[in-house]
Protein backbone atom coordinates (compact mmCIF):
# COMPACT_ATOMS: atom_id res chain seq x y z
CA UNK A 1 0.00 0.00 0.00
CA UNK A 2 1.12 3.50 -0.80
CA UNK A 3 -0.23 6.71 0.72
CA UNK A 4 -0.59 9.69 -1.59
CA UNK A 5 -0.73 13.32 -0.50
CA UNK A 6 -1.18 16.60 -2.34
CA UNK A 7 0.45 19.89 -1.43
CA UNK A 8 -1.59 22.79 -2.77
CA UNK A 9 0.81 25.53 -1.70
CA UNK A 10 2.04 25.74 -5.32
CA UNK A 11 0.49 25.56 -8.77
CA UNK A 12 0.49 22.96 -10.17
CA UNK A 13 0.11 21.04 -6.92
CA UNK A 14 3.00 19.01 -5.54
CA UNK A 15 2.58 15.23 -5.62
CA UNK A 16 3.78 13.31 -2.52
CA UNK A 17 3.78 9.60 -1.81
CA UNK A 18 4.74 7.48 1.19
CA UNK A 19 5.37 3.78 1.73
CA UNK A 20 3.18 2.15 4.38
CA UNK A 21 6.04 0.13 5.90
CA UNK A 22 9.67 -0.86 5.35
CA UNK A 23 8.70 -3.62 2.92
CA UNK A 24 6.76 -1.12 0.82
CA UNK A 25 9.74 1.22 1.05
CA UNK A 26 11.86 -1.38 -0.73
CA UNK A 27 9.58 -1.18 -3.78
CA UNK A 28 9.61 2.61 -3.69
CA UNK A 29 13.42 2.56 -3.67
CA UNK A 30 13.49 0.06 -6.55
CA UNK A 31 10.87 1.66 -8.76
CA UNK A 32 11.47 5.36 -8.16
CA UNK A 33 11.81 7.82 -11.04
CA UNK A 34 14.40 10.42 -11.92
CA UNK A 35 12.03 13.22 -10.91
CA UNK A 36 11.58 11.83 -7.38
CA UNK A 37 13.14 13.38 -4.27
CA UNK A 38 13.49 11.29 -1.11
CA UNK A 39 12.88 12.72 2.40
CA UNK A 40 13.68 11.10 5.76
CA UNK A 41 14.24 12.07 9.38
CA UNK A 42 17.98 12.31 10.00
CA UNK A 43 19.33 9.59 12.34
CA UNK A 44 15.79 8.60 13.30
CA UNK A 45 13.36 5.98 12.10
CA UNK A 46 10.72 7.48 9.84
CA UNK A 47 8.63 6.83 6.77
CA UNK A 48 10.24 7.28 3.37
CA UNK A 49 8.57 10.36 1.91
CA UNK A 50 8.86 11.10 -1.81
CA UNK A 51 8.17 14.26 -3.77
CA UNK A 52 7.52 13.70 -7.46
CA UNK A 53 8.61 16.91 -9.14
CA UNK A 54 6.77 18.45 -12.03
CA UNK A 55 8.41 18.71 -15.44
CA UNK A 56 11.12 21.36 -15.55
CA UNK A 57 11.73 21.38 -11.79
CA UNK A 58 14.97 20.33 -10.11
CA UNK A 59 15.61 19.10 -6.60
CA UNK A 60 17.82 22.11 -5.94
CA UNK A 61 15.07 24.69 -6.56
CA UNK A 62 12.08 23.13 -4.78
CA UNK A 63 9.85 25.99 -3.53
CA UNK A 64 10.31 26.74 0.15
CA UNK A 65 6.63 26.20 0.96
CA UNK A 66 6.79 22.72 -0.57
CA UNK A 67 9.95 21.91 1.40
CA UNK A 68 8.17 23.00 4.57
CA UNK A 69 5.23 20.69 3.78
CA UNK A 70 7.56 17.76 3.08
CA UNK A 71 9.60 18.39 6.22
CA UNK A 72 6.49 18.60 8.43
CA UNK A 73 5.02 15.45 6.88
CA UNK A 74 8.28 13.55 7.35
CA UNK A 75 8.55 14.63 10.98
CA UNK A 76 4.92 13.64 11.60
CA UNK A 77 5.62 10.19 10.15
CA UNK A 78 8.46 9.47 12.54
CA UNK A 79 7.34 7.94 15.85
CA UNK A 80 10.29 9.40 17.73
CA UNK A 81 10.72 12.52 15.62
CA UNK A 82 7.08 13.51 15.96
CA UNK A 83 7.54 13.89 19.70
CA UNK A 84 10.70 15.97 19.50
CA UNK A 85 11.55 19.55 18.65
CA UNK A 86 14.41 20.59 16.41
CA UNK A 87 14.34 17.54 14.19
CA UNK A 88 16.55 17.51 11.10
CA UNK A 89 15.05 16.23 7.87
CA UNK A 90 17.36 15.16 5.05
CA UNK A 91 16.50 14.99 1.36
CA UNK A 92 18.21 13.92 -1.83
CA UNK A 93 17.33 12.89 -5.40
CA UNK A 94 16.03 9.34 -5.71
CA UNK A 95 18.88 8.66 -8.14
CA UNK A 96 21.35 9.35 -5.32
CA UNK A 97 20.00 6.53 -3.14
CA UNK A 98 22.29 3.54 -2.78
CA UNK A 99 21.05 0.06 -1.94
CA UNK A 100 22.97 -3.21 -1.76
CA UNK A 101 22.41 -6.70 -0.45
CA UNK A 102 24.18 -6.08 2.84
CA UNK A 103 21.59 -3.53 3.97
CA UNK A 104 18.52 -4.27 6.06
CA UNK A 105 15.04 -4.00 4.57
CA UNK A 106 14.18 -0.35 4.01
CA UNK A 107 17.72 0.83 4.70
CA UNK A 108 19.58 3.03 2.21
CA UNK A 109 22.75 5.05 1.92
CA UNK A 110 23.91 7.66 -0.57
CA UNK A 111 26.10 7.56 -3.64
CA UNK A 112 27.22 11.14 -3.07
CA UNK A 113 26.88 12.74 0.35
CA UNK A 114 27.33 16.17 -1.23
CA UNK A 115 23.90 15.75 -2.82
CA UNK A 116 22.15 15.50 0.55
CA UNK A 117 20.48 18.62 1.95
CA UNK A 118 19.07 19.25 5.42
CA UNK A 119 16.11 21.11 6.86
CA UNK A 120 15.74 21.89 10.56
CA UNK A 121 12.16 21.57 11.80
CA UNK A 122 11.83 23.46 15.12
CA UNK A 123 8.46 21.93 16.00
CA UNK A 124 5.40 20.24 14.57
CA UNK A 125 2.96 22.59 12.87
CA UNK A 126 -0.46 21.00 13.13
CA UNK A 127 -2.19 23.23 10.52
CA UNK A 128 0.26 22.00 7.87
CA UNK A 129 0.11 18.33 8.88
CA UNK A 130 -3.70 18.41 9.13
CA UNK A 131 -4.03 20.08 5.72
CA UNK A 132 -1.86 17.40 4.11
CA UNK A 133 -3.62 14.54 5.91
CA UNK A 134 -6.96 15.70 4.48
CA UNK A 135 -5.59 14.93 1.00
CA UNK A 136 -4.39 11.44 1.95
CA UNK A 137 -5.42 8.62 -0.39
CA UNK A 138 -4.53 4.91 -0.04
CA UNK A 139 -3.76 2.91 -3.18
CA UNK A 140 -2.26 -0.42 -4.21
CA UNK A 141 -0.29 0.56 -7.31
CA UNK A 142 1.72 -1.70 -9.58
CA UNK A 143 4.91 0.30 -9.20
CA UNK A 144 6.88 -1.80 -11.69
CA UNK A 145 4.25 -1.30 -14.39
CA UNK A 146 3.95 2.42 -13.63
CA UNK A 147 7.70 2.85 -14.03
CA UNK A 148 7.77 0.89 -17.30
CA UNK A 149 4.92 2.98 -18.72
CA UNK A 150 6.73 6.15 -17.71
CA UNK A 151 9.93 4.94 -19.35
CA UNK A 152 8.04 4.09 -22.54
CA UNK A 153 6.71 7.65 -22.71
CA UNK A 154 10.22 9.03 -22.14
CA UNK A 155 11.65 6.77 -24.86
CA UNK A 156 9.02 7.97 -27.33
CA UNK A 157 9.79 11.60 -26.48
CA UNK A 158 13.49 10.93 -26.90
CA UNK A 159 12.93 9.27 -30.29
CA UNK A 160 10.74 12.17 -31.41
CA UNK A 161 13.41 14.66 -30.30
CA UNK A 162 16.12 12.75 -32.18
CA UNK A 163 13.96 12.70 -35.32
CA UNK A 164 13.37 16.45 -35.09
CA UNK A 165 17.09 17.04 -34.63
CA UNK A 166 17.88 14.95 -37.72
CA UNK A 167 15.32 16.88 -39.76
CA UNK A 168 16.76 20.17 -38.60
CA UNK A 169 20.32 19.02 -39.32
CA UNK A 170 19.25 17.92 -42.82
CA UNK A 171 17.55 21.28 -43.43
CA UNK A 172 20.64 23.19 -42.32
CA UNK A 173 22.90 20.98 -44.46
CA UNK A 174 20.71 21.55 -47.52
CA UNK A 175 20.63 25.29 -46.86
CA UNK A 176 24.42 25.40 -46.62
CA UNK A 177 24.72 23.35 -49.80
CA UNK A 178 22.46 25.77 -51.69
CA UNK A 179 24.34 28.80 -50.38
CA UNK A 180 27.66 27.25 -51.41
CA UNK A 181 26.33 26.55 -54.91
CA UNK A 182 25.10 30.13 -55.21
CA UNK A 183 28.47 31.43 -54.06
CA UNK A 184 30.41 29.19 -56.45
CA UNK A 185 28.22 30.22 -59.42
CA UNK A 186 27.69 33.88 -58.55
CA UNK A 187 29.77 35.16 -61.51
CA UNK A 188 28.81 32.57 -64.12
CA UNK A 189 26.87 35.09 -66.24
CA UNK A 190 29.75 37.56 -66.29
CA UNK A 191 32.20 35.06 -67.70
CA UNK A 192 29.85 33.37 -70.16
CA UNK A 193 31.49 32.98 -73.61
CA UNK A 194 30.04 34.85 -76.63
CA UNK A 195 28.71 32.59 -79.39
CA UNK A 196 31.04 32.79 -82.50
CA UNK A 197 28.08 33.02 -84.87
CA UNK A 198 26.70 36.00 -82.96
CA UNK A 199 30.09 37.69 -83.21
CA UNK A 200 30.26 37.11 -87.00
CA UNK A 201 26.81 38.56 -87.52
CA UNK A 202 27.87 41.67 -85.68
CA UNK A 203 30.94 42.01 -87.93
CA UNK A 204 28.87 41.65 -91.12
CA UNK A 205 26.56 44.33 -89.98
CA UNK A 206 29.44 46.73 -89.69
CA UNK A 207 30.67 45.90 -93.22
CA UNK A 208 27.25 46.65 -94.73
CA UNK A 209 27.15 49.96 -93.03
CA UNK A 210 30.62 50.85 -94.40
CA UNK A 211 29.64 49.94 -97.97
CA UNK A 212 26.48 52.01 -97.75
CA UNK A 213 28.35 55.05 -96.61
C-alpha atoms as a PDB file:
ATOM      1  CA  UNK A   1       0.000   0.000   0.000  1.00  0.00           C
ATOM      2  CA  UNK A   2       1.124   3.501  -0.801  1.00  0.00           C
ATOM      3  CA  UNK A   3      -0.230   6.709   0.717  1.00  0.00           C
ATOM      4  CA  UNK A   4      -0.591   9.691  -1.593  1.00  0.00           C
ATOM      5  CA  UNK A   5      -0.732  13.322  -0.502  1.00  0.00           C
ATOM      6  CA  UNK A   6      -1.178  16.601  -2.344  1.00  0.00           C
ATOM      7  CA  UNK A   7       0.450  19.886  -1.427  1.00  0.00           C
ATOM      8  CA  UNK A   8      -1.588  22.787  -2.768  1.00  0.00           C
ATOM      9  CA  UNK A   9       0.811  25.531  -1.700  1.00  0.00           C
ATOM     10  CA  UNK A  10       2.040  25.744  -5.316  1.00  0.00           C
ATOM     11  CA  UNK A  11       0.491  25.565  -8.775  1.00  0.00           C
ATOM     12  CA  UNK A  12       0.492  22.957 -10.175  1.00  0.00           C
ATOM     13  CA  UNK A  13       0.111  21.043  -6.923  1.00  0.00           C
ATOM     14  CA  UNK A  14       3.000  19.014  -5.537  1.00  0.00           C
ATOM     15  CA  UNK A  15       2.578  15.229  -5.617  1.00  0.00           C
ATOM     16  CA  UNK A  16       3.780  13.313  -2.521  1.00  0.00           C
ATOM     17  CA  UNK A  17       3.777   9.601  -1.807  1.00  0.00           C
ATOM     18  CA  UNK A  18       4.742   7.480   1.187  1.00  0.00           C
ATOM     19  CA  UNK A  19       5.368   3.779   1.727  1.00  0.00           C
ATOM     20  CA  UNK A  20       3.180   2.152   4.381  1.00  0.00           C
ATOM     21  CA  UNK A  21       6.040   0.131   5.903  1.00  0.00           C
ATOM     22  CA  UNK A  22       9.669  -0.857   5.347  1.00  0.00           C
ATOM     23  CA  UNK A  23       8.697  -3.619   2.919  1.00  0.00           C
ATOM     24  CA  UNK A  24       6.764  -1.120   0.817  1.00  0.00           C
ATOM     25  CA  UNK A  25       9.737   1.223   1.048  1.00  0.00           C
ATOM     26  CA  UNK A  26      11.857  -1.377  -0.735  1.00  0.00           C
ATOM     27  CA  UNK A  27       9.581  -1.180  -3.783  1.00  0.00           C
ATOM     28  CA  UNK A  28       9.613   2.609  -3.695  1.00  0.00           C
ATOM     29  CA  UNK A  29      13.418   2.560  -3.670  1.00  0.00           C
ATOM     30  CA  UNK A  30      13.491   0.063  -6.549  1.00  0.00           C
ATOM     31  CA  UNK A  31      10.870   1.663  -8.764  1.00  0.00           C
ATOM     32  CA  UNK A  32      11.470   5.360  -8.161  1.00  0.00           C
ATOM     33  CA  UNK A  33      11.811   7.818 -11.037  1.00  0.00           C
ATOM     34  CA  UNK A  34      14.397  10.417 -11.916  1.00  0.00           C
ATOM     35  CA  UNK A  35      12.027  13.216 -10.907  1.00  0.00           C
ATOM     36  CA  UNK A  36      11.580  11.829  -7.380  1.00  0.00           C
ATOM     37  CA  UNK A  37      13.140  13.380  -4.272  1.00  0.00           C
ATOM     38  CA  UNK A  38      13.493  11.291  -1.106  1.00  0.00           C
ATOM     39  CA  UNK A  39      12.878  12.718   2.399  1.00  0.00           C
ATOM     40  CA  UNK A  40      13.677  11.095   5.757  1.00  0.00           C
ATOM     41  CA  UNK A  41      14.239  12.066   9.381  1.00  0.00           C
ATOM     42  CA  UNK A  42      17.976  12.306  10.003  1.00  0.00           C
ATOM     43  CA  UNK A  43      19.327   9.594  12.337  1.00  0.00           C
ATOM     44  CA  UNK A  44      15.786   8.601  13.302  1.00  0.00           C
ATOM     45  CA  UNK A  45      13.363   5.978  12.104  1.00  0.00           C
ATOM     46  CA  UNK A  46      10.722   7.478   9.835  1.00  0.00           C
ATOM     47  CA  UNK A  47       8.633   6.828   6.770  1.00  0.00           C
ATOM     48  CA  UNK A  48      10.245   7.281   3.374  1.00  0.00           C
ATOM     49  CA  UNK A  49       8.568  10.356   1.911  1.00  0.00           C
ATOM     50  CA  UNK A  50       8.865  11.100  -1.806  1.00  0.00           C
ATOM     51  CA  UNK A  51       8.168  14.255  -3.772  1.00  0.00           C
ATOM     52  CA  UNK A  52       7.521  13.697  -7.460  1.00  0.00           C
ATOM     53  CA  UNK A  53       8.611  16.911  -9.136  1.00  0.00           C
ATOM     54  CA  UNK A  54       6.770  18.455 -12.029  1.00  0.00           C
ATOM     55  CA  UNK A  55       8.413  18.715 -15.443  1.00  0.00           C
ATOM     56  CA  UNK A  56      11.119  21.355 -15.552  1.00  0.00           C
ATOM     57  CA  UNK A  57      11.725  21.376 -11.787  1.00  0.00           C
ATOM     58  CA  UNK A  58      14.972  20.327 -10.111  1.00  0.00           C
ATOM     59  CA  UNK A  59      15.606  19.101  -6.600  1.00  0.00           C
ATOM     60  CA  UNK A  60      17.817  22.113  -5.943  1.00  0.00           C
ATOM     61  CA  UNK A  61      15.074  24.691  -6.564  1.00  0.00           C
ATOM     62  CA  UNK A  62      12.084  23.134  -4.783  1.00  0.00           C
ATOM     63  CA  UNK A  63       9.851  25.992  -3.532  1.00  0.00           C
ATOM     64  CA  UNK A  64      10.314  26.744   0.150  1.00  0.00           C
ATOM     65  CA  UNK A  65       6.629  26.195   0.960  1.00  0.00           C
ATOM     66  CA  UNK A  66       6.790  22.718  -0.574  1.00  0.00           C
ATOM     67  CA  UNK A  67       9.946  21.911   1.397  1.00  0.00           C
ATOM     68  CA  UNK A  68       8.169  22.996   4.573  1.00  0.00           C
ATOM     69  CA  UNK A  69       5.232  20.690   3.783  1.00  0.00           C
ATOM     70  CA  UNK A  70       7.560  17.760   3.084  1.00  0.00           C
ATOM     71  CA  UNK A  71       9.604  18.392   6.221  1.00  0.00           C
ATOM     72  CA  UNK A  72       6.491  18.600   8.433  1.00  0.00           C
ATOM     73  CA  UNK A  73       5.017  15.454   6.882  1.00  0.00           C
ATOM     74  CA  UNK A  74       8.278  13.555   7.349  1.00  0.00           C
ATOM     75  CA  UNK A  75       8.545  14.634  10.978  1.00  0.00           C
ATOM     76  CA  UNK A  76       4.924  13.643  11.603  1.00  0.00           C
ATOM     77  CA  UNK A  77       5.616  10.195  10.155  1.00  0.00           C
ATOM     78  CA  UNK A  78       8.458   9.471  12.538  1.00  0.00           C
ATOM     79  CA  UNK A  79       7.335   7.944  15.854  1.00  0.00           C
ATOM     80  CA  UNK A  80      10.288   9.405  17.730  1.00  0.00           C
ATOM     81  CA  UNK A  81      10.725  12.523  15.621  1.00  0.00           C
ATOM     82  CA  UNK A  82       7.080  13.510  15.962  1.00  0.00           C
ATOM     83  CA  UNK A  83       7.535  13.885  19.705  1.00  0.00           C
ATOM     84  CA  UNK A  84      10.701  15.968  19.502  1.00  0.00           C
ATOM     85  CA  UNK A  85      11.546  19.550  18.654  1.00  0.00           C
ATOM     86  CA  UNK A  86      14.411  20.595  16.412  1.00  0.00           C
ATOM     87  CA  UNK A  87      14.336  17.543  14.185  1.00  0.00           C
ATOM     88  CA  UNK A  88      16.550  17.511  11.101  1.00  0.00           C
ATOM     89  CA  UNK A  89      15.054  16.232   7.868  1.00  0.00           C
ATOM     90  CA  UNK A  90      17.357  15.161   5.047  1.00  0.00           C
ATOM     91  CA  UNK A  91      16.501  14.993   1.364  1.00  0.00           C
ATOM     92  CA  UNK A  92      18.214  13.915  -1.829  1.00  0.00           C
ATOM     93  CA  UNK A  93      17.327  12.894  -5.397  1.00  0.00           C
ATOM     94  CA  UNK A  94      16.034   9.340  -5.709  1.00  0.00           C
ATOM     95  CA  UNK A  95      18.877   8.664  -8.145  1.00  0.00           C
ATOM     96  CA  UNK A  96      21.351   9.350  -5.322  1.00  0.00           C
ATOM     97  CA  UNK A  97      20.000   6.531  -3.144  1.00  0.00           C
ATOM     98  CA  UNK A  98      22.290   3.537  -2.780  1.00  0.00           C
ATOM     99  CA  UNK A  99      21.046   0.061  -1.940  1.00  0.00           C
ATOM    100  CA  UNK A 100      22.969  -3.206  -1.762  1.00  0.00           C
ATOM    101  CA  UNK A 101      22.413  -6.700  -0.454  1.00  0.00           C
ATOM    102  CA  UNK A 102      24.184  -6.076   2.842  1.00  0.00           C
ATOM    103  CA  UNK A 103      21.586  -3.526   3.972  1.00  0.00           C
ATOM    104  CA  UNK A 104      18.523  -4.274   6.062  1.00  0.00           C
ATOM    105  CA  UNK A 105      15.039  -3.997   4.568  1.00  0.00           C
ATOM    106  CA  UNK A 106      14.180  -0.346   4.012  1.00  0.00           C
ATOM    107  CA  UNK A 107      17.722   0.831   4.697  1.00  0.00           C
ATOM    108  CA  UNK A 108      19.579   3.026   2.211  1.00  0.00           C
ATOM    109  CA  UNK A 109      22.746   5.052   1.925  1.00  0.00           C
ATOM    110  CA  UNK A 110      23.910   7.662  -0.569  1.00  0.00           C
ATOM    111  CA  UNK A 111      26.100   7.556  -3.644  1.00  0.00           C
ATOM    112  CA  UNK A 112      27.219  11.139  -3.074  1.00  0.00           C
ATOM    113  CA  UNK A 113      26.881  12.743   0.353  1.00  0.00           C
ATOM    114  CA  UNK A 114      27.328  16.172  -1.230  1.00  0.00           C
ATOM    115  CA  UNK A 115      23.903  15.746  -2.820  1.00  0.00           C
ATOM    116  CA  UNK A 116      22.151  15.497   0.547  1.00  0.00           C
ATOM    117  CA  UNK A 117      20.476  18.618   1.954  1.00  0.00           C
ATOM    118  CA  UNK A 118      19.073  19.248   5.424  1.00  0.00           C
ATOM    119  CA  UNK A 119      16.107  21.110   6.860  1.00  0.00           C
ATOM    120  CA  UNK A 120      15.741  21.888  10.557  1.00  0.00           C
ATOM    121  CA  UNK A 121      12.161  21.567  11.798  1.00  0.00           C
ATOM    122  CA  UNK A 122      11.828  23.458  15.122  1.00  0.00           C
ATOM    123  CA  UNK A 123       8.465  21.929  15.997  1.00  0.00           C
ATOM    124  CA  UNK A 124       5.398  20.242  14.573  1.00  0.00           C
ATOM    125  CA  UNK A 125       2.963  22.594  12.870  1.00  0.00           C
ATOM    126  CA  UNK A 126      -0.459  21.002  13.125  1.00  0.00           C
ATOM    127  CA  UNK A 127      -2.186  23.225  10.524  1.00  0.00           C
ATOM    128  CA  UNK A 128       0.258  22.005   7.866  1.00  0.00           C
ATOM    129  CA  UNK A 129       0.107  18.335   8.879  1.00  0.00           C
ATOM    130  CA  UNK A 130      -3.697  18.407   9.127  1.00  0.00           C
ATOM    131  CA  UNK A 131      -4.025  20.080   5.719  1.00  0.00           C
ATOM    132  CA  UNK A 132      -1.858  17.402   4.112  1.00  0.00           C
ATOM    133  CA  UNK A 133      -3.617  14.544   5.910  1.00  0.00           C
ATOM    134  CA  UNK A 134      -6.956  15.703   4.476  1.00  0.00           C
ATOM    135  CA  UNK A 135      -5.585  14.934   0.998  1.00  0.00           C
ATOM    136  CA  UNK A 136      -4.394  11.439   1.953  1.00  0.00           C
ATOM    137  CA  UNK A 137      -5.418   8.618  -0.388  1.00  0.00           C
ATOM    138  CA  UNK A 138      -4.533   4.912  -0.041  1.00  0.00           C
ATOM    139  CA  UNK A 139      -3.761   2.909  -3.180  1.00  0.00           C
ATOM    140  CA  UNK A 140      -2.263  -0.418  -4.206  1.00  0.00           C
ATOM    141  CA  UNK A 141      -0.288   0.560  -7.309  1.00  0.00           C
ATOM    142  CA  UNK A 142       1.716  -1.704  -9.582  1.00  0.00           C
ATOM    143  CA  UNK A 143       4.915   0.299  -9.198  1.00  0.00           C
ATOM    144  CA  UNK A 144       6.881  -1.796 -11.693  1.00  0.00           C
ATOM    145  CA  UNK A 145       4.251  -1.305 -14.387  1.00  0.00           C
ATOM    146  CA  UNK A 146       3.948   2.424 -13.635  1.00  0.00           C
ATOM    147  CA  UNK A 147       7.695   2.845 -14.026  1.00  0.00           C
ATOM    148  CA  UNK A 148       7.771   0.891 -17.302  1.00  0.00           C
ATOM    149  CA  UNK A 149       4.919   2.975 -18.723  1.00  0.00           C
ATOM    150  CA  UNK A 150       6.727   6.153 -17.706  1.00  0.00           C
ATOM    151  CA  UNK A 151       9.933   4.945 -19.346  1.00  0.00           C
ATOM    152  CA  UNK A 152       8.039   4.090 -22.544  1.00  0.00           C
ATOM    153  CA  UNK A 153       6.715   7.654 -22.710  1.00  0.00           C
ATOM    154  CA  UNK A 154      10.219   9.034 -22.140  1.00  0.00           C
ATOM    155  CA  UNK A 155      11.651   6.775 -24.857  1.00  0.00           C
ATOM    156  CA  UNK A 156       9.020   7.973 -27.326  1.00  0.00           C
ATOM    157  CA  UNK A 157       9.792  11.601 -26.475  1.00  0.00           C
ATOM    158  CA  UNK A 158      13.485  10.935 -26.904  1.00  0.00           C
ATOM    159  CA  UNK A 159      12.930   9.267 -30.285  1.00  0.00           C
ATOM    160  CA  UNK A 160      10.741  12.168 -31.411  1.00  0.00           C
ATOM    161  CA  UNK A 161      13.407  14.656 -30.305  1.00  0.00           C
ATOM    162  CA  UNK A 162      16.115  12.749 -32.183  1.00  0.00           C
ATOM    163  CA  UNK A 163      13.958  12.700 -35.324  1.00  0.00           C
ATOM    164  CA  UNK A 164      13.369  16.449 -35.087  1.00  0.00           C
ATOM    165  CA  UNK A 165      17.091  17.037 -34.628  1.00  0.00           C
ATOM    166  CA  UNK A 166      17.878  14.945 -37.717  1.00  0.00           C
ATOM    167  CA  UNK A 167      15.316  16.879 -39.759  1.00  0.00           C
ATOM    168  CA  UNK A 168      16.758  20.173 -38.598  1.00  0.00           C
ATOM    169  CA  UNK A 169      20.317  19.020 -39.321  1.00  0.00           C
ATOM    170  CA  UNK A 170      19.251  17.918 -42.824  1.00  0.00           C
ATOM    171  CA  UNK A 171      17.550  21.279 -43.433  1.00  0.00           C
ATOM    172  CA  UNK A 172      20.644  23.191 -42.323  1.00  0.00           C
ATOM    173  CA  UNK A 173      22.901  20.977 -44.458  1.00  0.00           C
ATOM    174  CA  UNK A 174      20.706  21.550 -47.519  1.00  0.00           C
ATOM    175  CA  UNK A 175      20.634  25.291 -46.861  1.00  0.00           C
ATOM    176  CA  UNK A 176      24.416  25.398 -46.616  1.00  0.00           C
ATOM    177  CA  UNK A 177      24.718  23.350 -49.799  1.00  0.00           C
ATOM    178  CA  UNK A 178      22.461  25.765 -51.688  1.00  0.00           C
ATOM    179  CA  UNK A 179      24.342  28.800 -50.382  1.00  0.00           C
ATOM    180  CA  UNK A 180      27.656  27.251 -51.406  1.00  0.00           C
ATOM    181  CA  UNK A 181      26.334  26.547 -54.907  1.00  0.00           C
ATOM    182  CA  UNK A 182      25.104  30.125 -55.214  1.00  0.00           C
ATOM    183  CA  UNK A 183      28.471  31.431 -54.058  1.00  0.00           C
ATOM    184  CA  UNK A 184      30.406  29.193 -56.450  1.00  0.00           C
ATOM    185  CA  UNK A 185      28.222  30.223 -59.418  1.00  0.00           C
ATOM    186  CA  UNK A 186      27.689  33.879 -58.547  1.00  0.00           C
ATOM    187  CA  UNK A 187      29.774  35.161 -61.512  1.00  0.00           C
ATOM    188  CA  UNK A 188      28.813  32.566 -64.122  1.00  0.00           C
ATOM    189  CA  UNK A 189      26.871  35.094 -66.236  1.00  0.00           C
ATOM    190  CA  UNK A 190      29.753  37.556 -66.293  1.00  0.00           C
ATOM    191  CA  UNK A 191      32.202  35.056 -67.697  1.00  0.00           C
ATOM    192  CA  UNK A 192      29.846  33.375 -70.156  1.00  0.00           C
ATOM    193  CA  UNK A 193      31.494  32.984 -73.612  1.00  0.00           C
ATOM    194  CA  UNK A 194      30.042  34.851 -76.629  1.00  0.00           C
ATOM    195  CA  UNK A 195      28.713  32.586 -79.394  1.00  0.00           C
ATOM    196  CA  UNK A 196      31.037  32.789 -82.497  1.00  0.00           C
ATOM    197  CA  UNK A 197      28.078  33.023 -84.870  1.00  0.00           C
ATOM    198  CA  UNK A 198      26.703  36.005 -82.965  1.00  0.00           C
ATOM    199  CA  UNK A 199      30.093  37.686 -83.211  1.00  0.00           C
ATOM    200  CA  UNK A 200      30.258  37.109 -86.997  1.00  0.00           C
ATOM    201  CA  UNK A 201      26.815  38.562 -87.522  1.00  0.00           C
ATOM    202  CA  UNK A 202      27.870  41.670 -85.676  1.00  0.00           C
ATOM    203  CA  UNK A 203      30.939  42.012 -87.928  1.00  0.00           C
ATOM    204  CA  UNK A 204      28.874  41.647 -91.115  1.00  0.00           C
ATOM    205  CA  UNK A 205      26.560  44.334 -89.976  1.00  0.00           C
ATOM    206  CA  UNK A 206      29.444  46.734 -89.689  1.00  0.00           C
ATOM    207  CA  UNK A 207      30.674  45.904 -93.218  1.00  0.00           C
ATOM    208  CA  UNK A 208      27.250  46.645 -94.731  1.00  0.00           C
ATOM    209  CA  UNK A 209      27.150  49.961 -93.034  1.00  0.00           C
ATOM    210  CA  UNK A 210      30.618  50.853 -94.404  1.00  0.00           C
ATOM    211  CA  UNK A 211      29.642  49.942 -97.965  1.00  0.00           C
ATOM    212  CA  UNK A 212      26.484  52.012 -97.747  1.00  0.00           C
ATOM    213  CA  UNK A 213      28.351  55.050 -96.610  1.00  0.00           C
END
